[in-house]
Amino acid sequence: SEIAEKYIKEAVIKREEGDIESFVDLVTIGLRDYMSLKQKINYKEMTTFEVRRSLRHDKVFSSLSDDILTILKLGDRFKFADEDLLESDHEILINGFRAIVETAEKNGGGSDTA
């Protein structure tokens, strides 16, 4: 997915520059954007709780819900609880985003524009 790759590439650059706030934003917003385009469901405007509820009925992403929610919850912890993330959390964010995209693309379904 071109959209996801763009977000991932930008996120990696921000992380290397030490801009963790932008890194986390690019991963979490990128994931929501990718999912929204893939499924024509507006995940971008949903809270993490709403995403969790919607994933139950999502044919492409329901099997990835644990991984998706891990990423979104880490992002929430960083953004809303002012919690510093560990280097291992950064790895979970970027590698999780990559793995979700790879699996979703392999499993097909959804829109090809994502």
C-alpha atoms as a PDB file:
ATOM      1  CA  SER A   1       0.000   0.000   0.000  1.00  0.00           C
ATOM      2  CA  GLU A   2       1.457   3.306  -1.110  1.00  0.00           C
ATOM      3  CA  ILE A   3      -0.372   5.286   1.574  1.00  0.00           C
ATOM      4  CA  ALA A   4       0.900   3.082   4.408  1.00  0.00           C
ATOM      5  CA  GLU A   5       4.440   3.044   3.016  1.00  0.00           C
ATOM      6  CA  LYS A   6       4.479   6.832   2.913  1.00  0.00           C
ATOM      7  CA  TYR A   7       3.452   7.059   6.573  1.00  0.00           C
ATOM      8  CA  ILE A   8       5.957   4.373   7.589  1.00  0.00           C
ATOM      9  CA  LYS A   9       8.811   6.069   5.734  1.00  0.00           C
ATOM     10  CA  GLU A  10       8.021   9.455   7.298  1.00  0.00           C
ATOM     11  CA  ALA A  11       7.624   7.892  10.760  1.00  0.00           C
ATOM     12  CA  VAL A  12      11.046   6.220  10.540  1.00  0.00           C
ATOM     13  CA  ILE A  13      12.650   9.553   9.605  1.00  0.00           C
ATOM     14  CA  LYS A  14      10.959  11.347  12.519  1.00  0.00           C
ATOM     15  CA  ARG A  15      12.066   8.623  14.921  1.00  0.00           C
ATOM     16  CA  GLU A  16      15.660   8.878  13.692  1.00  0.00           C
ATOM     17  CA  GLU A  17      15.475  12.667  14.195  1.00  0.00           C
ATOM     18  CA  GLY A  18      14.270  12.127  17.769  1.00  0.00           C
ATOM     19  CA  ASP A  19      10.842  13.651  17.083  1.00  0.00           C
ATOM     20  CA  ILE A  20       8.892  10.966  18.945  1.00  0.00           C
ATOM     21  CA  GLU A  21       5.650  12.945  19.035  1.00  0.00           C
ATOM     22  CA  SER A  22       5.537  13.116  15.225  1.00  0.00           C
ATOM     23  CA  PHE A  23       6.655   9.482  15.003  1.00  0.00           C
ATOM     24  CA  VAL A  24       3.757   8.297  17.173  1.00  0.00           C
ATOM     25  CA  ASP A  25       1.293  10.529  15.300  1.00  0.00           C
ATOM     26  CA  LEU A  26       2.438   9.250  11.910  1.00  0.00           C
ATOM     27  CA  VAL A  27       2.084   5.617  12.993  1.00  0.00           C
ATOM     28  CA  THR A  28      -1.326   5.962  14.647  1.00  0.00           C
ATOM     29  CA  ILE A  29      -2.822   8.362  12.104  1.00  0.00           C
ATOM     30  CA  GLY A  30      -1.255   6.381   9.280  1.00  0.00           C
ATOM     31  CA  LEU A  31      -2.761   3.142  10.538  1.00  0.00           C
ATOM     32  CA  ARG A  32      -6.214   4.721  10.889  1.00  0.00           C
ATOM     33  CA  ASP A  33      -5.906   6.338   7.448  1.00  0.00           C
ATOM     34  CA  TYR A  34      -4.829   3.060   5.833  1.00  0.00           C
ATOM     35  CA  MET A  35      -7.682   1.152   7.485  1.00  0.00           C
ATOM     36  CA  SER A  36     -10.191   3.846   6.476  1.00  0.00           C
ATOM     37  CA  LEU A  37      -9.132   3.766   2.833  1.00  0.00           C
ATOM     38  CA  LYS A  38      -8.972  -0.018   2.737  1.00  0.00           C
ATOM     39  CA  GLN A  39     -12.433  -0.545   4.189  1.00  0.00           C
ATOM     40  CA  LYS A  40     -14.326   2.679   3.441  1.00  0.00           C
ATOM     41  CA  ILE A  41     -15.024   3.014   7.168  1.00  0.00           C
ATOM     42  CA  ASN A  42     -14.002   6.262   8.853  1.00  0.00           C
ATOM     43  CA  TYR A  43     -11.561   4.922  11.428  1.00  0.00           C
ATOM     44  CA  LYS A  44      -9.789   8.295  11.409  1.00  0.00           C
ATOM     45  CA  GLU A  45     -12.577   9.969  13.380  1.00  0.00           C
ATOM     46  CA  MET A  46     -13.061   7.164  15.912  1.00  0.00           C
ATOM     47  CA  THR A  47     -11.753   6.861  19.440  1.00  0.00           C
ATOM     48  CA  THR A  48      -9.759   3.730  20.241  1.00  0.00           C
ATOM     49  CA  PHE A  49     -12.855   2.335  21.982  1.00  0.00           C
ATOM     50  CA  GLU A  50     -14.976   2.941  18.872  1.00  0.00           C
ATOM     51  CA  VAL A  51     -12.321   1.316  16.687  1.00  0.00           C
ATOM     52  CA  ARG A  52     -12.383  -1.738  18.942  1.00  0.00           C
ATOM     53  CA  ARG A  53     -16.152  -1.995  18.582  1.00  0.00           C
ATOM     54  CA  SER A  54     -16.042  -1.559  14.785  1.00  0.00           C
ATOM     55  CA  LEU A  55     -13.283  -4.129  14.322  1.00  0.00           C
ATOM     56  CA  ARG A  56     -15.619  -6.908  15.443  1.00  0.00           C
ATOM     57  CA  HIS A  57     -17.564  -6.473  12.188  1.00  0.00           C
ATOM     58  CA  ASP A  58     -14.632  -5.703   9.880  1.00  0.00           C
ATOM     59  CA  LYS A  59     -13.881  -8.611   7.535  1.00  0.00           C
ATOM     60  CA  VAL A  60     -10.341  -7.467   6.712  1.00  0.00           C
ATOM     61  CA  PHE A  61      -9.125  -6.187  10.067  1.00  0.00           C
ATOM     62  CA  SER A  62     -11.048  -8.193  12.697  1.00  0.00           C
ATOM     63  CA  SER A  63      -8.356 -10.903  12.821  1.00  0.00           C
ATOM     64  CA  LEU A  64      -5.747  -8.165  13.419  1.00  0.00           C
ATOM     65  CA  SER A  65      -7.699  -6.361  16.134  1.00  0.00           C
ATOM     66  CA  ASP A  66      -5.253  -7.220  18.960  1.00  0.00           C
ATOM     67  CA  ASP A  67      -2.313  -5.803  17.004  1.00  0.00           C
ATOM     68  CA  ILE A  68      -4.252  -2.726  15.900  1.00  0.00           C
ATOM     69  CA  LEU A  69      -5.451  -1.992  19.439  1.00  0.00           C
ATOM     70  CA  THR A  70      -1.937  -2.449  20.845  1.00  0.00           C
ATOM     71  CA  ILE A  71      -0.680   0.291  18.519  1.00  0.00           C
ATOM     72  CA  LEU A  72      -3.588   2.640  19.204  1.00  0.00           C
ATOM     73  CA  LYS A  73      -3.367   2.137  22.979  1.00  0.00           C
ATOM     74  CA  LEU A  74       0.387   2.827  22.960  1.00  0.00           C
ATOM     75  CA  GLY A  75      -0.317   6.006  21.014  1.00  0.00           C
ATOM     76  CA  ASP A  76      -3.016   6.986  23.503  1.00  0.00           C
ATOM     77  CA  ARG A  77      -0.690   6.375  26.450  1.00  0.00           C
ATOM     78  CA  PHE A  78       1.934   8.621  24.890  1.00  0.00           C
ATOM     79  CA  LYS A  79      -0.446  11.386  23.778  1.00  0.00           C
ATOM     80  CA  PHE A  80      -3.022  11.511  26.553  1.00  0.00           C
ATOM     81  CA  ALA A  81      -1.260  10.113  29.614  1.00  0.00           C
ATOM     82  CA  ASP A  82       2.018  11.932  28.906  1.00  0.00           C
ATOM     83  CA  GLU A  83       3.765   8.618  29.314  1.00  0.00           C
ATOM     84  CA  ASP A  84       7.225   8.194  27.831  1.00  0.00           C
ATOM     85  CA  LEU A  85       7.500   5.213  25.549  1.00  0.00           C
ATOM     86  CA  LEU A  86      10.409   2.809  25.674  1.00  0.00           C
ATOM     87  CA  GLU A  87      12.532   2.008  22.645  1.00  0.00           C
ATOM     88  CA  SER A  88      10.790  -1.385  22.603  1.00  0.00           C
ATOM     89  CA  ASP A  89       7.437   0.435  22.368  1.00  0.00           C
ATOM     90  CA  HIS A  90       8.724   2.314  19.316  1.00  0.00           C
ATOM     91  CA  GLU A  91       9.586  -1.035  17.735  1.00  0.00           C
ATOM     92  CA  ILE A  92       6.118  -2.384  18.517  1.00  0.00           C
ATOM     93  CA  LEU A  93       4.555   0.681  16.870  1.00  0.00           C
ATOM     94  CA  ILE A  94       6.490   0.661  13.601  1.00  0.00           C
ATOM     95  CA  ASN A  95       6.813  -3.114  13.202  1.00  0.00           C
ATOM     96  CA  GLY A  96       3.182  -3.623  14.152  1.00  0.00           C
ATOM     97  CA  PHE A  97       2.049  -1.105  11.540  1.00  0.00           C
ATOM     98  CA  ARG A  98       4.169  -2.872   8.895  1.00  0.00           C
ATOM     99  CA  ALA A  99       2.866  -6.315   9.877  1.00  0.00           C
ATOM    100  CA  ILE A 100      -0.780  -5.202   9.823  1.00  0.00           C
ATOM    101  CA  VAL A 101      -0.369  -3.747   6.330  1.00  0.00           C
ATOM    102  CA  GLU A 102       1.451  -6.848   5.057  1.00  0.00           C
ATOM    103  CA  THR A 103      -1.207  -9.185   6.440  1.00  0.00           C
ATOM    104  CA  ALA A 104      -4.131  -7.074   5.217  1.00  0.00           C
ATOM    105  CA  GLU A 105      -2.613  -6.823   1.735  1.00  0.00           C
ATOM    106  CA  LYS A 106      -1.936 -10.560   1.626  1.00  0.00           C
ATOM    107  CA  ASN A 107      -5.458 -11.403   2.765  1.00  0.00           C
ATOM    108  CA  GLY A 108      -6.961  -9.103   0.167  1.00  0.00           C
ATOM    109  CA  GLY A 109     -10.373  -7.578   0.535  1.00  0.00           C
ATOM    110  CA  GLY A 110     -11.204  -3.935   0.847  1.00  0.00           C
ATOM    111  CA  SER A 111     -10.287  -1.221  -1.570  1.00  0.00           C
ATOM    112  CA  ASP A 112      -7.213  -1.238  -3.774  1.00  0.00           C
ATOM    113  CA  THR A 113      -6.662   2.487  -3.297  1.00  0.00           C
ATOM    114  CA  ALA A 114      -5.196   2.080   0.196  1.00  0.00           C
END
